[in-house]
C-alpha atoms as a PDB file:
ATOM      1  CA  MET A   1     -32.539 -16.641  30.696  1.00  0.00           C
ATOM      2  CA  PRO A   2     -29.400 -15.184  29.040  1.00  0.00           C
ATOM      3  CA  ALA A   3     -29.663 -13.633  25.602  1.00  0.00           C
ATOM      4  CA  PRO A   4     -28.093 -15.706  22.815  1.00  0.00           C
ATOM      5  CA  GLU A   5     -24.714 -14.442  21.648  1.00  0.00           C
ATOM      6  CA  LYS A   6     -24.615 -12.931  18.178  1.00  0.00           C
ATOM      7  CA  PRO A   7     -21.893 -14.288  15.893  1.00  0.00           C
ATOM      8  CA  GLU A   8     -18.988 -11.952  15.265  1.00  0.00           C
ATOM      9  CA  ILE A   9     -19.086 -10.358  11.802  1.00  0.00           C
ATOM     10  CA  HIS A  10     -15.805 -10.611   9.925  1.00  0.00           C
ATOM     11  CA  LEU A  11     -15.019  -7.816   7.487  1.00  0.00           C
ATOM     12  CA  PRO A  12     -11.818  -7.705   5.463  1.00  0.00           C
ATOM     13  CA  SER A  13      -9.454  -4.841   6.120  1.00  0.00           C
ATOM     14  CA  PRO A  14      -9.435  -1.927   3.651  1.00  0.00           C
ATOM     15  CA  SER A  15      -7.079  -2.481   0.737  1.00  0.00           C
ATOM     16  CA  PHE A  16      -5.713  -0.593  -2.252  1.00  0.00           C
ATOM     17  CA  TRP A  17      -4.998  -3.783  -4.255  1.00  0.00           C
ATOM     18  CA  PRO A  18      -8.400  -3.893  -6.014  1.00  0.00           C
ATOM     19  CA  ILE A  19      -7.747  -0.417  -7.393  1.00  0.00           C
ATOM     20  CA  LEU A  20      -4.387  -1.535  -8.783  1.00  0.00           C
ATOM     21  CA  VAL A  21      -5.996  -4.630 -10.339  1.00  0.00           C
ATOM     22  CA  ALA A  22      -8.572  -2.390 -12.039  1.00  0.00           C
ATOM     23  CA  LEU A  23      -5.819  -0.053 -13.247  1.00  0.00           C
ATOM     24  CA  GLY A  24      -3.913  -3.012 -14.699  1.00  0.00           C
ATOM     25  CA  VAL A  25      -7.000  -4.197 -16.587  1.00  0.00           C
ATOM     26  CA  LEU A  26      -7.584  -0.653 -17.868  1.00  0.00           C
ATOM     27  CA  LEU A  27      -4.000  -0.404 -19.119  1.00  0.00           C
ATOM     28  CA  ILE A  28      -4.324  -3.756 -20.871  1.00  0.00           C
ATOM     29  CA  ALA A  29      -7.481  -2.563 -22.653  1.00  0.00           C
ATOM     30  CA  LEU A  30      -5.924   0.784 -23.602  1.00  0.00           C
ATOM     31  CA  GLY A  31      -2.812  -0.983 -24.806  1.00  0.00           C
ATOM     32  CA  ILE A  32      -4.848  -3.189 -27.123  1.00  0.00           C
ATOM     33  CA  ILE A  33      -6.345  -0.053 -28.643  1.00  0.00           C
ATOM     34  CA  PHE A  34      -3.261   2.192 -28.786  1.00  0.00           C
ATOM     35  CA  ASN A  35       0.070   0.446 -28.157  1.00  0.00           C
ATOM     36  CA  LEU A  36       1.001  -3.035 -26.967  1.00  0.00           C
ATOM     37  CA  ILE A  37       3.725  -1.667 -24.681  1.00  0.00           C
ATOM     38  CA  ILE A  38       0.970  -0.146 -22.544  1.00  0.00           C
ATOM     39  CA  SER A  39      -0.609  -3.617 -22.387  1.00  0.00           C
ATOM     40  CA  LEU A  40       2.652  -5.119 -21.175  1.00  0.00           C
ATOM     41  CA  VAL A  41       2.817  -2.551 -18.379  1.00  0.00           C
ATOM     42  CA  GLY A  42      -0.798  -3.411 -17.546  1.00  0.00           C
ATOM     43  CA  VAL A  43      -0.031  -7.134 -17.406  1.00  0.00           C
ATOM     44  CA  VAL A  44       2.909  -6.560 -15.053  1.00  0.00           C
ATOM     45  CA  LEU A  45       0.789  -4.291 -12.840  1.00  0.00           C
ATOM     46  CA  LEU A  46      -2.113  -6.746 -12.861  1.00  0.00           C
ATOM     47  CA  LEU A  47       0.039  -9.728 -11.905  1.00  0.00           C
ATOM     48  CA  GLY A  48       1.890  -7.779  -9.207  1.00  0.00           C
ATOM     49  CA  ALA A  49      -1.370  -6.504  -7.719  1.00  0.00           C
ATOM     50  CA  GLN A  50      -2.885  -9.989  -7.700  1.00  0.00           C
ATOM     51  CA  VAL A  51       0.128 -11.410  -5.888  1.00  0.00           C
ATOM     52  CA  GLY A  52       0.066  -8.560  -3.379  1.00  0.00           C
ATOM     53  CA  TRP A  53      -3.647  -9.017  -2.783  1.00  0.00           C
ATOM     54  CA  MET A  54      -3.259 -12.758  -2.218  1.00  0.00           C
ATOM     55  CA  LEU A  55      -0.386 -12.262   0.204  1.00  0.00           C
ATOM     56  CA  GLU A  56      -2.339  -9.599   2.086  1.00  0.00           C
ATOM     57  CA  ASN A  57      -5.232 -12.027   2.554  1.00  0.00           C
ATOM     58  CA  ARG A  58      -2.856 -14.689   3.909  1.00  0.00           C
ATOM     59  CA  VAL A  59      -1.532 -12.219   6.491  1.00  0.00           C
ATOM     60  CA  ASP A  60      -5.096 -11.230   7.487  1.00  0.00           C
ATOM     61  CA  ALA A  61      -6.066 -14.895   7.860  1.00  0.00           C
ATOM     62  CA  ALA A  62      -3.027 -15.621  10.026  1.00  0.00           C
ATOM     63  CA  ASP A  63      -3.822 -12.630  12.242  1.00  0.00           C
ATOM     64  CA  GLY A  64      -7.418 -13.811  12.587  1.00  0.00           C
ATOM     65  CA  GLU A  65      -6.369 -17.296  13.637  1.00  0.00           C
ATOM     66  CA  ALA A  66      -3.984 -15.880  16.233  1.00  0.00           C
ATOM     67  CA  ALA A  67      -6.772 -13.728  17.663  1.00  0.00           C
ATOM     68  CA  HIS A  68      -9.058 -16.742  18.139  1.00  0.00           C
ATOM     69  CA  GLU A  69      -6.520 -18.744  20.155  1.00  0.00           C
END
């Protein structure tokens, strides 16, 4: 009797985007306290990091689908 196959565990690839998102949020908070220009830099960084993170996940998903074919 063959042993049942274990399902493959999918882990996302390591990424630096979450760190940039956190840095953007930190700059927004510091900018509210000290200077709104710092907040604007934080908003730009936050939005850019979110877009990069989303695009990275789309590339990972496409690679995963190609591997299963």
